[in-house]
Protein backbone atom coordinates (compact mmCIF):
# COMPACT_ATOMS: atom_id res chain seq x y z
CA MET A 1 -19.02 -41.67 70.79
CA ALA A 2 -19.59 -41.17 67.04
CA SER A 3 -16.59 -41.34 64.76
CA LYS A 4 -15.25 -38.04 63.44
CA ILE A 5 -16.88 -36.85 60.24
CA GLU A 6 -14.51 -37.21 57.29
CA VAL A 7 -14.33 -34.65 54.50
CA LYS A 8 -13.70 -37.40 51.94
CA ASP A 9 -17.02 -39.07 52.84
CA LEU A 10 -18.87 -35.83 52.25
CA LEU A 11 -16.94 -35.32 49.01
CA GLU A 12 -17.94 -38.75 47.72
CA ALA A 13 -21.58 -37.98 48.55
CA GLY A 14 -21.46 -34.75 46.54
CA VAL A 15 -22.18 -32.53 49.54
CA HIS A 16 -19.90 -29.87 48.05
CA PHE A 17 -21.97 -29.17 44.93
CA GLY A 18 -23.84 -25.87 45.18
CA HIS A 19 -26.16 -24.07 42.76
CA LEU A 20 -25.39 -22.09 39.63
CA THR A 21 -23.41 -18.95 40.47
CA ARG A 22 -26.24 -16.71 39.21
CA LYS A 23 -28.61 -18.23 41.80
CA TRP A 24 -26.37 -17.75 44.81
CA ASN A 25 -27.19 -15.89 48.00
CA PRO A 26 -24.32 -13.50 48.88
CA ASN A 27 -24.68 -14.37 52.56
CA MET A 28 -23.36 -17.84 51.73
CA ALA A 29 -20.02 -16.36 50.60
CA PRO A 30 -18.13 -17.46 53.76
CA TYR A 31 -18.99 -21.09 53.03
CA ILE A 32 -18.11 -21.11 49.33
CA TYR A 33 -14.69 -22.46 48.36
CA MET A 34 -14.62 -21.65 44.64
CA GLU A 35 -16.58 -21.49 41.41
CA ARG A 36 -16.18 -24.14 38.73
CA ASN A 37 -18.02 -24.42 35.42
CA GLY A 38 -20.60 -21.88 36.56
CA ILE A 39 -21.36 -23.76 39.79
CA HIS A 40 -20.36 -22.79 43.31
CA VAL A 41 -18.37 -25.34 45.31
CA ILE A 42 -19.00 -25.48 49.07
CA ASN A 43 -16.03 -25.54 51.47
CA LEU A 44 -16.40 -28.99 53.07
CA TYR A 45 -14.03 -28.17 55.93
CA LYS A 46 -16.53 -25.56 57.06
CA THR A 47 -19.36 -28.04 56.49
CA VAL A 48 -17.64 -30.51 58.83
CA ALA A 49 -17.14 -27.84 61.50
CA LYS A 50 -20.76 -26.67 61.31
CA LEU A 51 -22.07 -30.24 61.23
CA GLU A 52 -20.13 -31.17 64.37
CA GLU A 53 -21.39 -28.03 66.12
CA ALA A 54 -24.99 -28.85 65.15
CA ASN A 55 -24.63 -32.48 66.19
CA GLU A 56 -23.38 -31.51 69.63
CA ALA A 57 -26.40 -29.25 70.16
CA LEU A 58 -28.83 -31.87 68.82
CA LYS A 59 -27.33 -34.46 71.12
CA LYS A 60 -27.97 -32.21 74.14
CA ILE A 61 -31.56 -31.54 73.09
CA ALA A 62 -32.25 -35.26 72.59
CA ALA A 63 -30.62 -36.04 75.96
CA SER A 64 -32.91 -33.47 77.63
CA GLY A 65 -35.97 -35.41 76.49
CA ARG A 66 -37.25 -32.84 74.00
CA LYS A 67 -38.43 -33.87 70.54
CA ILE A 68 -36.68 -32.70 67.36
CA LEU A 69 -39.01 -32.18 64.40
CA PHE A 70 -37.52 -33.02 60.99
CA VAL A 71 -38.99 -31.34 57.91
CA ALA A 72 -38.31 -32.41 54.30
CA THR A 73 -41.11 -32.33 51.74
CA LYS A 74 -39.00 -32.48 48.57
CA LYS A 75 -39.22 -35.73 46.64
CA GLN A 76 -35.57 -36.78 46.93
CA ALA A 77 -35.52 -36.27 50.71
CA LYS A 78 -38.86 -37.77 51.80
CA ASP A 79 -37.94 -41.45 52.00
CA ILE A 80 -34.49 -40.76 53.46
CA VAL A 81 -35.86 -38.64 56.28
CA ALA A 82 -38.74 -41.03 57.02
CA ASP A 83 -36.36 -44.00 57.18
CA LYS A 84 -33.57 -42.49 59.28
CA VAL A 85 -35.66 -40.32 61.60
CA SER A 86 -38.16 -43.07 62.44
CA LYS A 87 -35.24 -45.17 63.70
CA VAL A 88 -34.53 -42.60 66.43
CA ASN A 89 -38.24 -42.17 67.20
CA MET A 90 -38.42 -38.48 66.33
CA PRO A 91 -41.37 -36.74 64.60
CA TYR A 92 -41.09 -35.70 60.96
CA ILE A 93 -43.05 -33.99 58.19
CA THR A 94 -42.50 -35.33 54.67
CA GLU A 95 -45.79 -34.31 53.07
CA ARG A 96 -47.12 -30.76 52.72
CA TRP A 97 -46.24 -28.51 55.67
CA PRO A 98 -49.51 -27.91 57.56
CA GLY A 99 -49.84 -24.15 57.96
CA GLY A 100 -49.78 -23.29 61.67
CA MET A 101 -48.10 -26.58 62.53
CA LEU A 102 -46.12 -24.74 65.24
CA THR A 103 -47.90 -21.41 65.73
CA ASN A 104 -51.32 -23.09 65.94
CA PHE A 105 -50.17 -26.32 67.54
CA VAL A 106 -53.34 -26.74 69.62
CA THR A 107 -55.43 -27.15 66.46
CA ILE A 108 -52.95 -29.61 64.99
CA ARG A 109 -53.14 -31.68 68.18
CA LYS A 110 -56.93 -31.76 67.84
CA ALA A 111 -56.53 -33.28 64.36
CA VAL A 112 -54.18 -35.92 65.76
CA LYS A 113 -56.66 -36.69 68.55
CA LYS A 114 -59.37 -37.06 65.89
CA MET A 115 -57.24 -39.75 64.28
CA ALA A 116 -56.95 -41.56 67.62
CA SER A 117 -60.71 -41.20 68.12
CA ILE A 118 -61.39 -42.95 64.80
CA ASP A 119 -59.06 -45.78 65.84
CA ARG A 120 -61.02 -46.19 69.09
CA MET A 121 -64.28 -46.30 67.10
CA LYS A 122 -62.93 -49.21 65.10
CA LYS A 123 -61.82 -51.05 68.22
CA ASP A 124 -65.01 -50.65 70.27
CA GLY A 125 -67.34 -51.47 67.38
CA THR A 126 -68.87 -48.00 67.00
CA PHE A 127 -67.46 -47.79 63.47
CA ASN A 128 -69.59 -50.76 62.35
CA THR A 129 -72.80 -49.01 63.41
CA LEU A 130 -72.25 -46.30 60.80
CA SER A 131 -73.75 -46.42 57.34
CA LYS A 132 -71.60 -47.56 54.42
CA LYS A 133 -71.26 -43.98 53.17
CA GLU A 134 -70.26 -42.69 56.62
CA ARG A 135 -67.68 -45.46 57.05
CA LEU A 136 -66.17 -44.54 53.69
CA GLN A 137 -65.97 -40.86 54.67
CA VAL A 138 -64.37 -41.70 58.03
CA ASP A 139 -61.83 -44.01 56.36
CA ARG A 140 -60.88 -41.28 53.89
CA LEU A 141 -60.48 -38.76 56.71
CA ARG A 142 -58.35 -41.23 58.68
CA ALA A 143 -56.13 -41.90 55.65
CA LYS A 144 -55.68 -38.17 55.02
CA LEU A 145 -54.78 -37.48 58.66
CA GLU A 146 -52.37 -40.41 58.74
CA LYS A 147 -50.62 -39.20 55.59
CA ASN A 148 -50.15 -35.63 56.84
CA LEU A 149 -49.88 -36.04 60.60
CA GLY A 150 -49.24 -39.71 61.35
CA SER A 151 -45.53 -39.16 61.89
CA ILE A 152 -46.14 -36.51 64.60
CA ALA A 153 -48.79 -38.45 66.54
CA ASP A 154 -46.45 -38.82 69.53
CA MET A 155 -45.43 -35.14 69.60
CA THR A 156 -47.59 -33.91 72.48
CA ARG A 157 -46.00 -30.45 72.76
CA LEU A 158 -43.90 -28.03 70.73
CA PRO A 159 -40.53 -29.51 69.68
CA GLY A 160 -37.25 -28.53 71.32
CA ALA A 161 -35.75 -27.92 67.86
CA ILE A 162 -36.56 -28.24 64.18
CA PHE A 163 -34.29 -29.68 61.47
CA ILE A 164 -34.98 -28.60 57.88
CA VAL A 165 -33.80 -29.87 54.50
CA ASP A 166 -33.98 -26.93 52.05
CA THR A 167 -34.93 -23.74 53.88
CA MET A 168 -36.06 -22.08 50.64
CA ARG A 169 -38.77 -24.69 50.14
CA GLU A 170 -39.70 -24.85 53.83
CA HIS A 171 -39.70 -21.08 54.41
CA ILE A 172 -43.04 -21.20 56.25
CA ALA A 173 -41.62 -23.71 58.75
CA VAL A 174 -38.63 -21.41 59.26
CA LYS A 175 -40.87 -18.40 59.95
CA GLU A 176 -43.05 -20.31 62.42
CA ALA A 177 -40.02 -21.63 64.32
CA GLN A 178 -38.52 -18.12 64.46
CA LYS A 179 -41.76 -16.70 65.84
CA LEU A 180 -41.74 -19.22 68.69
CA ASN A 181 -37.97 -19.02 69.33
CA ILE A 182 -37.51 -22.68 68.45
CA PRO A 183 -33.86 -23.42 67.48
CA ILE A 184 -33.53 -24.09 63.75
CA PHE A 185 -31.04 -26.60 62.34
CA ALA A 186 -30.85 -26.88 58.56
CA MET A 187 -28.99 -27.93 55.45
CA VAL A 188 -28.36 -24.68 53.59
CA ASP A 189 -27.36 -24.65 49.94
CA THR A 190 -25.63 -21.76 48.14
CA ASN A 191 -29.01 -20.25 47.20
CA SER A 192 -30.21 -20.05 50.82
CA ASP A 193 -29.85 -17.39 53.53
CA PRO A 194 -27.95 -18.80 56.54
CA ARG A 195 -28.79 -15.75 58.69
CA ASP A 196 -32.26 -17.15 59.39
CA ILE A 197 -30.82 -20.39 60.78
CA ASP A 198 -29.40 -20.97 64.28
CA TYR A 199 -27.30 -23.96 63.17
CA ALA A 200 -26.67 -23.78 59.43
CA ILE A 201 -24.94 -26.74 57.77
CA PRO A 202 -23.63 -25.61 54.34
CA SER A 203 -24.37 -28.52 52.01
CA ASN A 204 -26.03 -29.69 48.83
CA ASP A 205 -29.71 -30.02 49.72
CA ASP A 206 -30.82 -31.36 46.33
CA ALA A 207 -28.91 -34.64 45.80
CA SER A 208 -30.26 -37.67 47.65
CA LYS A 209 -26.73 -38.95 48.44
CA SER A 210 -25.83 -35.63 50.04
CA ILE A 211 -29.03 -35.51 52.09
CA GLU A 212 -28.49 -39.09 53.21
CA ALA A 213 -24.88 -38.38 54.26
CA ILE A 214 -25.88 -35.40 56.42
CA LEU A 215 -28.95 -37.11 57.90
CA GLU A 216 -26.84 -40.16 58.76
CA GLU A 217 -24.54 -38.04 60.92
CA VAL A 218 -27.37 -35.99 62.42
CA THR A 219 -29.45 -39.02 63.45
CA LYS A 220 -26.35 -40.64 64.94
CA ALA A 221 -25.96 -37.60 67.21
CA VAL A 222 -29.65 -37.77 68.18
CA ALA A 223 -29.30 -41.50 68.92
CA GLU A 224 -26.29 -40.75 71.14
CA GLY A 225 -28.33 -38.18 73.06
CA LEU A 226 -31.15 -40.67 73.55
CA GLU A 227 -28.70 -43.33 74.70
CA GLU A 228 -27.20 -40.89 77.16
CA ARG A 229 -30.65 -40.14 78.54
CA LYS A 230 -31.37 -43.85 78.79
CA SER A 231 -28.15 -44.48 80.73
CA GLU A 232 -29.02 -41.64 83.13
CA LYS A 233 -32.34 -43.34 83.76
CA GLY A 234 -30.47 -46.57 84.51
CA ASN A 235 -28.41 -44.68 87.07
CA GLY A 236 -31.54 -43.75 88.97
CA LYS A 237 -32.50 -40.47 87.32
CA GLU A 238 -36.20 -39.93 86.71
CA GLU A 239 -37.10 -40.44 83.05
CA ASP A 240 -40.09 -39.15 81.18
CA ASP A 241 -41.05 -37.42 77.98
CA ALA A 242 -42.21 -34.34 79.81
CA PRO A 243 -41.27 -30.70 79.18
CA LYS A 244 -37.76 -29.57 79.88
CA ALA A 245 -38.76 -27.56 82.95
CA GLU A 246 -40.27 -30.50 84.81
CA LYS A 247 -37.15 -31.70 86.57
CA ALA A 248 -34.74 -29.74 88.73
CA PRO A 249 -31.14 -29.39 87.51
CA LYS A 250 -28.54 -31.71 88.89
CA LYS A 251 -26.90 -30.18 91.93
CA GLY A 252 -23.17 -29.73 92.06
CA THR A 253 -22.79 -28.84 88.39
CA LYS A 254 -21.00 -25.68 87.33
CA SER A 255 -24.15 -24.13 85.90
CA ASP A 256 -27.88 -24.77 85.71
CA ASP A 257 -29.41 -26.02 82.46
CA LEU A 258 -30.85 -22.74 81.22
CA THR A 259 -32.52 -24.48 78.26
CA LYS A 260 -35.17 -25.57 80.75
CA ILE A 261 -36.50 -22.03 80.38
CA GLU A 262 -38.97 -21.87 77.49
CA GLY A 263 -37.53 -19.74 74.69
CA ILE A 264 -33.86 -20.47 75.50
CA GLY A 265 -32.11 -22.76 73.05
CA PRO A 266 -28.59 -24.22 73.32
CA LYS A 267 -26.98 -21.22 71.61
CA ALA A 268 -28.77 -18.66 73.77
CA ALA A 269 -27.90 -20.63 76.91
CA GLU A 270 -24.24 -20.68 75.88
CA ALA A 271 -24.28 -16.90 75.34
CA LEU A 272 -25.83 -16.32 78.76
CA VAL A 273 -23.33 -18.58 80.54
CA GLU A 274 -20.43 -16.81 78.83
CA SER A 275 -21.81 -13.47 80.04
CA GLY A 276 -21.85 -14.71 83.64
CA ILE A 277 -25.50 -15.74 83.92
CA VAL A 278 -24.88 -19.36 84.91
CA SER A 279 -27.79 -20.20 87.21
CA PHE A 280 -31.54 -19.79 87.46
CA SER A 281 -30.98 -17.35 90.32
CA ASP A 282 -28.69 -15.22 88.14
CA LEU A 283 -31.28 -15.17 85.37
CA ALA A 284 -34.14 -14.41 87.77
CA SER A 285 -32.38 -11.26 88.97
CA ALA A 286 -31.13 -10.16 85.55
CA ASP A 287 -32.56 -7.14 83.73
CA THR A 288 -34.31 -8.04 80.45
CA ASP A 289 -32.57 -5.19 78.61
CA ASP A 290 -29.20 -6.55 79.72
CA ILE A 291 -30.19 -10.05 78.59
CA LYS A 292 -31.24 -8.65 75.21
CA SER A 293 -27.87 -6.91 74.87
CA VAL A 294 -26.03 -10.15 75.67
CA LEU A 295 -27.99 -12.03 73.00
CA THR A 296 -27.51 -9.32 70.36
CA GLU A 297 -23.77 -9.09 70.99
CA ALA A 298 -23.38 -12.87 70.93
CA SER A 299 -24.98 -13.40 67.51
CA SER A 300 -27.32 -11.70 65.08
CA THR A 301 -29.37 -14.92 64.99
CA LEU A 302 -30.16 -14.47 68.70
CA ALA A 303 -31.16 -10.82 68.42
CA HIS A 304 -34.79 -11.69 67.62
CA LEU A 305 -35.34 -13.58 70.90
CA ASP A 306 -37.74 -12.07 73.44
CA PRO A 307 -36.36 -12.61 77.00
CA THR A 308 -39.22 -10.78 78.75
CA SER A 309 -40.51 -13.87 80.54
CA TRP A 310 -37.14 -15.52 81.26
CA PRO A 311 -36.56 -13.97 84.71
CA LYS A 312 -40.11 -14.94 85.71
CA GLN A 313 -39.55 -18.54 84.61
CA ALA A 314 -36.09 -18.63 86.19
CA LYS A 315 -37.54 -17.47 89.51
CA MET A 316 -39.88 -20.47 89.53
CA ALA A 317 -37.04 -22.78 88.49
CA ALA A 318 -34.73 -21.44 91.20
CA ALA A 319 -37.46 -22.04 93.78
CA GLY A 320 -37.95 -25.60 92.56
CA GLU A 321 -41.51 -24.90 91.44
CA TRP A 322 -41.26 -27.25 88.46
CA GLU A 323 -44.94 -28.18 88.25
CA GLU A 324 -45.98 -24.53 88.27
CA LEU A 325 -43.36 -23.75 85.62
CA GLN A 326 -44.50 -26.62 83.42
CA GLU A 327 -48.11 -25.46 83.71
CA TRP A 328 -47.07 -21.91 82.76
CA GLN A 329 -45.02 -23.13 79.79
CA ASP A 330 -47.90 -25.27 78.50
CA LYS A 331 -50.15 -22.21 78.45
CA VAL A 332 -47.69 -19.76 76.91
CA LYS A 333 -46.38 -20.46 73.40
CA GLY A 334 -42.65 -20.13 72.98
CA GLY A 335 -42.27 -18.47 76.37
CA VAL A 336 -43.75 -15.21 75.06
CA GLU A 337 -46.72 -13.84 77.01
């Protein structure tokens, strides 16, 4: 179990420093402690609370076998993210965000497969049969693909969540994740809008020390989730890197794992359980309008979710038709038909 996050550690890392008061976003008011010398100071006690909440959710996602995509293209965050995230074997984007990375994932996967195809050409000798000019062109293409997509080569399907450093800079990533109902975790500074984020961590997203401090805690939580999954495998549970709906929930638990339904993140699942929808059978028989009401009442950040297909998916899950459900989820983006 990770040690409790200390406010003094975040203070020393400068996590509390916000932007100039004239650049603030009023929606960040609940997380601002005071103003000093024209700069807003973030309430670190709230940062700790939000960070622990986010870490718990990330741990569950990692333990479920889903990938968490980290996005940080700003100069001071690139190396930190690449270093820490690669240690927990999660995909990350530190160069330019490829437009349609999530919403047009099929095309992105084709580019990754092209990279693998070039590697095979070099191994089987086909590459050497090309002319000097063609080899140069292929090498340049391979280098470009590696730079932009090399870190997501192992991400064979849409991620279970996305973690963003600086939502203002990565606004396209935020919009794509919202469109596909992918849970968004992010460091939000005083100039950002936390309403767009499912798990907002109020913090300084400009200083490298601050980014490193937050990423250190976040990757620890992910590592714990992976370790938990590994130990479950050691206890005889089937392990794979397949979609969340591939395995049946463990019998005898108080509630089914509703996050196995495409489009339902940890927060939405929690809201459903609290409303009394605790199993796949409950969800299969639920009215979509009632589900929508539950989500809207639970949080404004859940109001945009489209639960139209959830009962249909839940019916398959309740019947144990995991292969059929996986096939359906692979065809339908974000669980929205």
